[in-house]
Amino acid sequence: MRLFLAVLAVVSGAAALWLWIGAPDLQSPGTAVTQGTAEEATMSTAVLVASRSLTAGTRLSGTDLEWANRQARSVPTGSALQAIVPDAESRMAGMVILRDLAQGDVVLWDDLATAASSRLSGHIAEDRLAFAIVVSEATAVGGLVRAGDRIDVFQVQRGGAIGEASMITLAEELRVLATDQTILHAQEVPTNAPRTLTVEVDMAQLEVLARAQAEGGIVVALKPQTDLPRP
């Protein structure tokens, strides 16, 4: 009996040892799944991004874009993928960017419009509207505002004591889409001061500006072109 128990103990120990040695193989499917998930999480793809900060209305050149690796799962729909469109850089060159981009931001095809387009609607971002502000040389920086500039809009309100006036801010950093009938990328300042500035706004800004324009007293201030070196 003791001999039988001793033999049984040896056999059981050998079986346990065999199972321990073979355990990695038995568990390999689960391990493979874990490794596959990790590889998928780190999988990257080359996508076209802005090589520098770009303001809406910029006509793209070859130096404005570059390829960068991004996690595949984080790349937004509508991106330019090198694996699919290897010549995306040259295709986008000369097109107009419709929204501000920071350095490293992914460039989407929906962000672009053809620079040759003469239709104002081709230069408006998808979630924005175009609104025309009636101005004069005195209220719009001497008539020197042109398409592509950015402006702040104020309203002068009179009330209270005689001669007392206050100024309120209506909107800031508005992109000028057109001056009169001159759309983005005019290279020269018009000879005559524009009578209207067409700006890109959201719905809330549209309501504020339309109400103020009906009341009068709108004044425009020109913002500096910050992407140029300062003296």
Protein backbone atom coordinates (compact mmCIF):
# COMPACT_ATOMS: atom_id res chain seq x y z
CA MET A 1 0.00 0.00 0.00
CA ARG A 2 2.78 2.39 0.91
CA LEU A 3 4.54 1.47 -2.32
CA PHE A 4 1.36 2.28 -4.29
CA LEU A 5 1.02 5.67 -2.59
CA ALA A 6 4.67 6.46 -3.27
CA VAL A 7 4.28 5.61 -6.97
CA LEU A 8 1.07 7.71 -7.13
CA ALA A 9 2.89 10.68 -5.57
CA VAL A 10 5.73 10.43 -8.11
CA VAL A 11 3.27 10.24 -11.03
CA SER A 12 1.28 13.22 -9.71
CA GLY A 13 4.46 15.27 -9.27
CA ALA A 14 5.57 14.46 -12.80
CA ALA A 15 2.17 15.45 -14.17
CA ALA A 16 2.26 18.74 -12.27
CA LEU A 17 5.77 19.44 -13.55
CA TRP A 18 4.67 18.74 -17.13
CA LEU A 19 1.69 21.09 -16.77
CA TRP A 20 3.92 23.83 -15.34
CA ILE A 21 6.42 23.51 -18.18
CA GLY A 22 3.65 23.43 -20.78
CA ALA A 23 1.67 26.29 -19.18
CA PRO A 24 3.11 29.08 -21.38
CA ASP A 25 1.99 27.21 -24.50
CA LEU A 26 -1.45 26.62 -23.05
CA GLN A 27 -1.76 30.33 -22.18
CA SER A 28 -0.25 31.67 -25.41
CA PRO A 29 -3.61 32.58 -27.05
CA GLY A 30 -4.42 34.97 -24.18
CA THR A 31 -0.89 36.35 -24.26
CA ALA A 32 -1.12 36.87 -28.02
CA VAL A 33 -4.36 38.82 -27.61
CA THR A 34 -2.72 41.09 -25.03
CA GLN A 35 0.28 41.69 -27.27
CA GLY A 36 -1.97 42.28 -30.27
CA THR A 37 -3.95 44.89 -28.35
CA ALA A 38 -0.76 46.69 -27.31
CA GLU A 39 0.57 46.69 -30.88
CA GLU A 40 -2.75 48.00 -32.16
CA ALA A 41 -2.70 50.81 -29.59
CA THR A 42 0.79 51.91 -30.70
CA MET A 43 0.23 51.42 -34.44
CA SER A 44 0.98 54.67 -36.26
CA THR A 45 0.33 56.08 -39.71
CA ALA A 46 1.81 59.03 -41.58
CA VAL A 47 -0.67 61.91 -41.84
CA LEU A 48 -0.30 65.43 -43.24
CA VAL A 49 -0.07 68.18 -40.58
CA ALA A 50 0.64 71.90 -40.44
CA SER A 51 4.39 72.54 -40.18
CA ARG A 52 3.71 75.96 -38.60
CA SER A 53 0.79 77.95 -37.25
CA LEU A 54 -1.59 78.86 -40.09
CA THR A 55 -4.40 81.39 -40.04
CA ALA A 56 -7.63 80.87 -41.92
CA GLY A 57 -7.33 82.31 -45.41
CA THR A 58 -3.70 81.28 -45.88
CA ARG A 59 -2.82 79.96 -49.32
CA LEU A 60 -0.80 76.81 -48.66
CA SER A 61 2.71 76.31 -49.95
CA GLY A 62 4.88 73.22 -49.82
CA THR A 63 6.64 74.41 -46.66
CA ASP A 64 3.35 74.79 -44.74
CA LEU A 65 2.78 71.03 -44.61
CA GLU A 66 4.71 67.98 -43.44
CA TRP A 67 4.15 64.30 -42.77
CA ALA A 68 3.95 63.19 -39.15
CA ASN A 69 3.28 59.85 -37.49
CA ARG A 70 0.09 59.66 -35.44
CA GLN A 71 -1.66 56.79 -33.68
CA ALA A 72 -4.00 55.33 -36.27
CA ARG A 73 -6.98 55.33 -33.91
CA SER A 74 -6.54 59.07 -33.18
CA VAL A 75 -6.42 60.23 -36.81
CA PRO A 76 -9.67 62.07 -37.66
CA THR A 77 -11.81 61.17 -40.66
CA GLY A 78 -10.92 63.21 -43.72
CA SER A 79 -7.19 63.33 -43.03
CA ALA A 80 -4.61 63.03 -45.79
CA LEU A 81 -2.89 59.68 -45.26
CA GLN A 82 0.46 59.07 -46.92
CA ALA A 83 -0.42 55.42 -47.53
CA ILE A 84 -3.50 56.44 -49.52
CA VAL A 85 -2.59 59.84 -51.04
CA PRO A 86 1.23 60.01 -51.15
CA ASP A 87 1.15 63.23 -53.20
CA ALA A 88 -1.26 65.05 -50.84
CA GLU A 89 1.34 67.78 -50.20
CA SER A 90 1.44 68.81 -53.85
CA ARG A 91 -2.33 68.46 -54.19
CA MET A 92 -2.95 70.82 -51.27
CA ALA A 93 -0.34 73.37 -52.35
CA GLY A 94 -2.08 76.52 -53.58
CA MET A 95 -5.33 75.75 -51.76
CA VAL A 96 -6.83 78.00 -49.07
CA ILE A 97 -7.09 76.91 -45.45
CA LEU A 98 -10.52 77.69 -44.00
CA ARG A 99 -9.72 77.53 -40.28
CA ASP A 100 -6.84 78.40 -37.98
CA LEU A 101 -4.34 75.59 -37.44
CA ALA A 102 -1.63 75.31 -34.82
CA GLN A 103 1.70 73.71 -35.64
CA GLY A 104 1.20 69.94 -35.72
CA ASP A 105 -2.58 70.05 -36.27
CA VAL A 106 -3.87 67.47 -38.74
CA VAL A 107 -5.01 69.05 -42.03
CA LEU A 108 -8.39 67.80 -43.24
CA TRP A 109 -9.56 67.94 -46.83
CA ASP A 110 -12.71 69.69 -45.59
CA ASP A 111 -10.48 72.47 -44.22
CA LEU A 112 -9.52 73.51 -47.74
CA ALA A 113 -10.96 75.44 -50.64
CA THR A 114 -9.44 76.02 -54.06
CA ALA A 115 -7.68 79.37 -54.24
CA ALA A 116 -8.99 79.82 -57.75
CA SER A 117 -12.58 79.79 -56.54
CA SER A 118 -14.39 83.07 -57.11
CA ARG A 119 -17.38 81.99 -55.03
CA LEU A 120 -17.47 83.43 -51.53
CA SER A 121 -19.18 80.28 -50.24
CA GLY A 122 -16.00 78.35 -51.06
CA HIS A 123 -14.09 80.33 -48.42
CA ILE A 124 -16.51 79.96 -45.49
CA ALA A 125 -15.87 77.30 -42.85
CA GLU A 126 -18.58 74.67 -42.62
CA ASP A 127 -20.01 75.86 -39.29
CA ARG A 128 -19.81 79.61 -40.06
CA LEU A 129 -21.74 82.29 -41.92
CA ALA A 130 -20.80 85.37 -43.92
CA PHE A 131 -22.11 88.76 -42.76
CA ALA A 132 -21.51 92.19 -44.33
CA ILE A 133 -20.76 95.19 -42.12
CA VAL A 134 -21.40 98.62 -43.61
CA VAL A 135 -18.37 100.82 -42.94
CA SER A 136 -16.76 104.06 -44.02
CA GLU A 137 -13.19 105.28 -44.25
CA ALA A 138 -13.59 106.89 -40.84
CA THR A 139 -14.96 103.79 -39.10
CA ALA A 140 -12.76 101.14 -40.75
CA VAL A 141 -9.10 102.10 -40.33
CA GLY A 142 -9.01 104.63 -43.14
CA GLY A 143 -10.35 102.11 -45.61
CA LEU A 144 -7.15 100.02 -45.44
CA VAL A 145 -8.78 96.77 -44.28
CA ARG A 146 -8.65 94.10 -46.95
CA ALA A 147 -9.72 90.50 -47.45
CA GLY A 148 -7.74 88.10 -45.26
CA ASP A 149 -7.27 90.58 -42.39
CA ARG A 150 -8.68 90.07 -38.90
CA ILE A 151 -10.67 92.72 -37.11
CA ASP A 152 -12.34 93.53 -33.81
CA VAL A 153 -15.75 95.20 -33.98
CA PHE A 154 -17.05 97.72 -31.46
CA GLN A 155 -20.13 99.87 -31.03
CA VAL A 156 -20.12 103.44 -29.75
CA GLN A 157 -23.16 104.07 -27.59
CA ARG A 158 -24.22 107.54 -26.51
CA GLY A 159 -26.32 108.25 -23.45
CA GLY A 160 -26.39 109.81 -20.03
CA ALA A 161 -24.73 113.20 -19.82
CA ILE A 162 -24.41 115.30 -22.95
CA GLY A 163 -21.39 114.23 -24.95
CA GLU A 164 -20.90 111.09 -22.88
CA ALA A 165 -20.28 107.91 -24.85
CA SER A 166 -19.21 104.37 -24.14
CA MET A 167 -17.74 101.67 -26.34
CA ILE A 168 -18.67 98.00 -26.12
CA THR A 169 -16.99 95.07 -27.79
CA LEU A 170 -19.24 93.22 -30.24
CA ALA A 171 -16.87 90.62 -31.67
CA GLU A 172 -13.15 89.87 -31.76
CA GLU A 173 -10.80 88.18 -34.20
CA LEU A 174 -13.26 88.15 -37.10
CA ARG A 175 -11.80 87.05 -40.42
CA VAL A 176 -12.52 89.39 -43.32
CA LEU A 177 -13.67 87.31 -46.27
CA ALA A 178 -14.20 90.17 -48.70
CA THR A 179 -14.14 93.94 -49.05
CA ASP A 180 -17.01 95.03 -51.29
CA GLN A 181 -16.75 92.46 -54.11
CA THR A 182 -13.08 91.60 -53.60
CA ILE A 183 -12.73 88.10 -52.11
CA LEU A 184 -9.78 86.62 -50.22
CA HIS A 185 -6.22 87.00 -51.46
CA ALA A 186 -6.44 90.34 -53.19
CA GLN A 187 -2.81 91.38 -53.53
CA GLU A 188 -3.44 95.10 -53.65
CA VAL A 189 -5.39 97.46 -51.42
CA PRO A 190 -8.40 98.81 -53.38
CA THR A 191 -8.05 102.38 -54.63
CA ASN A 192 -11.34 103.36 -53.06
CA ALA A 193 -12.15 102.71 -49.41
CA PRO A 194 -14.53 99.73 -49.12
CA ARG A 195 -18.11 100.36 -48.12
CA THR A 196 -18.70 96.85 -46.78
CA LEU A 197 -16.57 94.30 -44.99
CA THR A 198 -17.85 90.73 -45.27
CA VAL A 199 -16.75 88.77 -42.21
CA GLU A 200 -16.98 85.15 -41.08
CA VAL A 201 -19.18 84.76 -37.99
CA ASP A 202 -21.05 82.19 -35.96
CA MET A 203 -24.76 82.51 -35.26
CA ALA A 204 -24.33 84.30 -31.93
CA GLN A 205 -22.01 86.88 -33.50
CA LEU A 206 -24.42 87.33 -36.40
CA GLU A 207 -27.25 88.24 -34.04
CA VAL A 208 -25.10 90.73 -32.11
CA LEU A 209 -23.72 92.40 -35.23
CA ALA A 210 -27.06 92.59 -37.02
CA ARG A 211 -28.66 94.26 -34.02
CA ALA A 212 -25.78 96.71 -33.61
CA GLN A 213 -25.74 97.56 -37.29
CA ALA A 214 -29.42 98.44 -37.14
CA GLU A 215 -28.67 100.76 -34.21
CA GLY A 216 -25.55 102.29 -35.76
CA GLY A 217 -22.23 103.36 -34.31
CA ILE A 218 -20.14 100.38 -35.47
CA VAL A 219 -16.36 100.88 -35.46
CA VAL A 220 -13.74 98.45 -36.80
CA ALA A 221 -10.18 97.97 -35.46
CA LEU A 222 -7.54 96.09 -37.44
CA LYS A 223 -5.60 93.27 -35.74
CA PRO A 224 -1.85 92.82 -36.33
CA GLN A 225 -0.67 90.15 -38.74
CA THR A 226 1.12 88.08 -36.11
CA ASP A 227 2.59 85.50 -38.45
CA LEU A 228 5.02 88.09 -39.85
CA PRO A 229 8.25 89.08 -38.07
CA ARG A 230 7.88 92.27 -36.08
CA PRO A 231 10.39 95.13 -36.62
